[in-house]
Amino acid sequence: MPRLLLGAVLLGNIGICVTSGPVMLAPPTQVKFNSVDYKNILHWTPPANSTSLRYHVQWKIYGEPQWLDAKHCQGIQKHHCDLSAVTSDLREWYYARVHASSLSSSKSAWVLSPRFSPRWDTTVSPPLLRLNITDGVIVVRVKPPRPLVQKMHNSLNYKIYLIHTSGEEEVFELDCCSHKLSLTKLDHNKKYCLQAQTIIPLQARSSDRSPAKCVTLH
């Protein structure tokens, strides 16, 4: 091979080596929202064999072209990011994405979450239930699961389930302005269990039932 041609080939090979960029990192996986009572947390799983990686989170409203930095979740080492403050509009749908970076300036590709709606994708908790017995009357008091749920909705209703030892159930409803129910005409020396459920009337949605609380009338 002529010397000039051989030199060109060698220089070409050297050029390829010199201009090659940093190796891409493996991306995080399972990027998704987990939302309970409108506390909207983005979670992800780190890539295998990852050490000292940092993560960068962005979000946007569905239909909008621009991605926005989640300012408190840039260069973080944890594997979750609270996006409640920027994804609080119940009318909107949202996306989030995350990528990893290393100290050597290597970066992974962005990984996109599924589309998320705080209105439909949050899980609403049951109310807190407190029982008192006064003169053969069971007084039931309910408390909203979290202040954020009340903030998101002007009205919340509740269902109270009175469960007899036979398994028979009675259902009582409390509207948004009442958090107290008195159960009368109950038999003494019998055990009663109660559960409660949060109802969002405008969305026709409800929580699971609360754990049963049981009392015996003496």
Protein backbone atom coordinates (compact mmCIF):
# COMPACT_ATOMS: atom_id res chain seq x y z
CA MET A 1 0.00 0.00 0.00
CA PRO A 2 1.44 3.45 -0.87
CA ARG A 3 2.73 5.36 2.14
CA LEU A 4 0.37 8.33 1.64
CA LEU A 5 -2.66 6.07 1.53
CA LEU A 6 -1.53 4.10 4.60
CA GLY A 7 -1.01 7.36 6.52
CA ALA A 8 -4.48 8.56 5.61
CA VAL A 9 -6.02 5.32 6.82
CA LEU A 10 -4.14 5.50 10.13
CA LEU A 11 -5.08 9.13 10.67
CA GLY A 12 -8.68 8.29 9.89
CA ASN A 13 -8.69 5.53 12.49
CA ILE A 14 -7.06 7.81 15.05
CA GLY A 15 -9.66 10.47 14.36
CA ILE A 16 -12.48 8.06 15.05
CA CYS A 17 -10.99 7.15 18.43
CA VAL A 18 -10.35 10.73 19.46
CA THR A 19 -13.80 12.07 18.59
CA SER A 20 -15.82 9.25 20.18
CA GLY A 21 -18.01 10.56 23.03
CA PRO A 22 -18.45 9.22 26.57
CA VAL A 23 -20.16 5.88 27.00
CA MET A 24 -23.91 6.20 27.55
CA LEU A 25 -25.11 5.07 30.97
CA ALA A 26 -27.86 2.52 31.32
CA PRO A 27 -31.10 4.40 32.02
CA PRO A 28 -33.33 4.05 35.10
CA THR A 29 -36.39 1.84 34.68
CA GLN A 30 -39.99 1.64 35.95
CA VAL A 31 -40.49 5.41 35.96
CA LYS A 32 -44.01 6.02 37.24
CA PHE A 33 -46.17 8.10 39.55
CA ASN A 34 -47.44 6.77 42.85
CA SER A 35 -50.17 9.05 44.20
CA VAL A 36 -52.04 8.76 47.51
CA ASP A 37 -54.37 11.56 48.63
CA TYR A 38 -52.93 13.87 45.93
CA LYS A 39 -49.36 13.47 47.13
CA ASN A 40 -47.85 12.75 43.72
CA ILE A 41 -44.47 11.02 43.95
CA LEU A 42 -42.46 9.99 40.90
CA HIS A 43 -40.54 6.74 41.50
CA TRP A 44 -37.92 4.93 39.44
CA THR A 45 -35.62 1.94 39.70
CA PRO A 46 -31.86 2.54 39.29
CA PRO A 47 -30.01 0.65 36.55
CA ALA A 48 -28.26 -2.56 37.54
CA ASN A 49 -24.77 -2.29 39.02
CA SER A 50 -25.14 1.46 39.42
CA THR A 51 -22.98 3.34 41.92
CA SER A 52 -22.78 7.06 42.70
CA LEU A 53 -25.35 7.98 40.07
CA ARG A 54 -27.32 11.18 40.22
CA TYR A 55 -30.75 11.74 38.75
CA HIS A 56 -32.42 14.66 37.01
CA VAL A 57 -36.20 15.03 36.77
CA GLN A 58 -38.32 17.06 34.39
CA TRP A 59 -42.08 17.38 34.00
CA LYS A 60 -44.63 18.89 31.64
CA ILE A 61 -48.35 19.25 31.07
CA TYR A 62 -49.76 16.91 28.44
CA GLY A 63 -49.94 18.75 25.11
CA GLU A 64 -47.30 21.34 26.03
CA PRO A 65 -44.01 21.16 24.08
CA GLN A 66 -41.65 22.39 26.79
CA TRP A 67 -40.13 20.23 29.51
CA LEU A 68 -39.52 21.98 32.85
CA ASP A 69 -36.87 21.11 35.44
CA ALA A 70 -38.12 19.92 38.81
CA LYS A 71 -35.74 22.30 40.58
CA HIS A 72 -35.56 20.32 43.82
CA CYS A 73 -34.80 17.09 41.94
CA GLN A 74 -31.66 17.92 39.94
CA GLY A 75 -28.54 15.87 40.66
CA ILE A 76 -30.24 13.90 43.43
CA GLN A 77 -29.18 10.43 44.59
CA LYS A 78 -32.57 9.26 45.88
CA HIS A 79 -34.89 7.29 43.62
CA HIS A 80 -38.03 9.38 43.97
CA CYS A 81 -39.19 12.97 43.56
CA ASP A 82 -42.22 14.71 45.06
CA LEU A 83 -43.99 16.50 42.19
CA SER A 84 -47.18 17.32 44.12
CA ALA A 85 -46.70 21.08 43.89
CA VAL A 86 -46.38 21.15 40.10
CA THR A 87 -48.96 18.46 39.30
CA SER A 88 -51.83 19.67 41.47
CA ASP A 89 -54.30 20.87 38.82
CA LEU A 90 -57.06 18.24 38.72
CA ARG A 91 -58.03 19.30 35.19
CA GLU A 92 -54.64 18.49 33.67
CA TRP A 93 -52.70 15.41 32.62
CA TYR A 94 -48.95 15.27 33.18
CA TYR A 95 -45.78 13.51 32.10
CA ALA A 96 -42.46 13.25 33.91
CA ARG A 97 -39.10 11.93 32.83
CA VAL A 98 -35.77 11.14 34.48
CA HIS A 99 -32.21 10.44 33.40
CA ALA A 100 -29.06 9.39 35.25
CA SER A 101 -25.61 10.99 35.21
CA SER A 102 -22.22 10.07 36.64
CA LEU A 103 -19.17 11.96 37.89
CA SER A 104 -17.44 11.21 34.58
CA SER A 105 -20.12 13.29 32.81
CA SER A 106 -21.70 10.23 31.25
CA LYS A 107 -25.47 10.43 30.89
CA SER A 108 -28.29 8.02 30.23
CA ALA A 109 -31.21 8.51 27.92
CA TRP A 110 -34.35 10.10 29.31
CA VAL A 111 -37.04 7.67 30.45
CA LEU A 112 -40.66 8.77 30.25
CA SER A 113 -43.42 8.04 32.77
CA PRO A 114 -46.93 6.99 31.72
CA ARG A 115 -49.40 9.86 31.46
CA PHE A 116 -50.66 10.86 34.91
CA SER A 117 -53.87 12.49 36.13
CA PRO A 118 -54.08 13.62 39.78
CA ARG A 119 -57.88 13.57 39.43
CA TRP A 120 -58.18 9.92 38.40
CA ASP A 121 -54.89 8.27 39.33
CA THR A 122 -54.61 9.17 43.00
CA THR A 123 -55.75 6.68 45.61
CA VAL A 124 -57.99 8.25 48.24
CA SER A 125 -57.58 6.94 51.78
CA PRO A 126 -60.46 6.07 54.09
CA PRO A 127 -61.25 8.52 56.89
CA LEU A 128 -59.93 8.10 60.40
CA LEU A 129 -62.53 6.58 62.68
CA ARG A 130 -63.02 7.24 66.41
CA LEU A 131 -65.62 5.56 68.62
CA ASN A 132 -67.05 6.45 72.02
CA ILE A 133 -69.80 4.75 74.03
CA THR A 134 -72.13 6.91 76.10
CA ASP A 135 -75.25 5.52 77.81
CA GLY A 136 -75.61 2.66 75.36
CA VAL A 137 -75.05 4.89 72.33
CA ILE A 138 -72.10 4.46 69.98
CA VAL A 139 -70.85 7.89 68.92
CA VAL A 140 -68.89 7.70 65.67
CA ARG A 141 -66.59 10.52 64.57
CA VAL A 142 -64.78 10.65 61.24
CA LYS A 143 -61.83 12.76 60.16
CA PRO A 144 -60.69 13.32 56.55
CA PRO A 145 -57.69 11.16 55.60
CA ARG A 146 -55.39 14.12 54.88
CA PRO A 147 -55.87 17.91 54.79
CA LEU A 148 -54.81 17.84 51.13
CA VAL A 149 -57.91 15.81 50.21
CA GLN A 150 -60.18 18.46 51.74
CA LYS A 151 -58.19 21.19 49.98
CA MET A 152 -58.80 19.54 46.62
CA HIS A 153 -62.55 19.11 47.15
CA ASN A 154 -65.17 21.46 48.51
CA SER A 155 -67.24 18.57 49.80
CA LEU A 156 -66.51 15.08 51.00
CA ASN A 157 -69.12 12.58 52.09
CA TYR A 158 -68.67 9.51 54.21
CA LYS A 159 -70.29 6.11 54.53
CA ILE A 160 -70.39 4.37 57.90
CA TYR A 161 -70.86 0.60 57.98
CA LEU A 162 -72.32 -0.94 61.15
CA ILE A 163 -71.58 -4.67 61.14
CA HIS A 164 -73.57 -6.97 63.42
CA THR A 165 -72.26 -10.25 64.80
CA SER A 166 -74.56 -12.05 62.34
CA GLY A 167 -72.70 -10.40 59.45
CA GLU A 168 -75.61 -8.11 58.60
CA GLU A 169 -74.58 -4.58 57.68
CA GLU A 170 -76.28 -1.24 58.07
CA VAL A 171 -75.04 1.70 56.03
CA PHE A 172 -75.27 5.33 57.13
CA GLU A 173 -74.25 8.39 55.13
CA LEU A 174 -72.73 11.62 56.39
CA ASP A 175 -72.67 14.71 54.20
CA CYS A 176 -69.82 17.20 53.91
CA CYS A 177 -70.87 19.24 56.95
CA SER A 178 -71.29 16.41 59.44
CA HIS A 179 -68.48 14.34 60.93
CA LYS A 180 -70.46 12.76 63.75
CA LEU A 181 -73.02 9.95 63.92
CA SER A 182 -74.86 8.59 66.97
CA LEU A 183 -76.03 4.97 66.77
CA THR A 184 -78.94 4.22 69.09
CA LYS A 185 -81.33 1.31 69.72
CA LEU A 186 -78.51 -1.20 69.91
CA ASP A 187 -78.57 -4.39 71.95
CA HIS A 188 -76.50 -4.61 75.10
CA ASN A 189 -73.87 -7.32 75.57
CA LYS A 190 -73.36 -7.52 71.83
CA LYS A 191 -70.32 -6.76 69.73
CA TYR A 192 -70.52 -4.25 66.88
CA CYS A 193 -67.85 -3.43 64.32
CA LEU A 194 -67.65 -0.26 62.26
CA GLN A 195 -65.88 0.81 59.09
CA ALA A 196 -65.85 4.09 57.19
CA GLN A 197 -65.36 5.12 53.58
CA THR A 198 -64.48 8.46 51.95
CA ILE A 199 -66.80 9.47 49.09
CA ILE A 200 -66.00 12.12 46.46
CA PRO A 201 -69.49 12.91 45.12
CA LEU A 202 -68.52 14.98 42.05
CA GLN A 203 -66.27 12.22 40.75
CA ALA A 204 -68.37 9.25 41.87
CA ARG A 205 -65.22 7.87 43.52
CA SER A 206 -64.68 6.25 46.88
CA SER A 207 -61.88 4.96 49.04
CA ASP A 208 -61.47 1.48 50.39
CA ARG A 209 -63.08 0.86 53.75
CA SER A 210 -61.12 1.70 56.87
CA PRO A 211 -59.93 -1.13 59.12
CA ALA A 212 -62.76 -2.38 61.33
CA LYS A 213 -63.07 -1.03 64.86
CA CYS A 214 -65.14 -3.11 67.23
CA VAL A 215 -66.87 -2.37 70.55
CA THR A 216 -69.13 -4.28 72.91
CA LEU A 217 -72.07 -2.62 74.62
CA HIS A 218 -72.42 -3.51 78.30
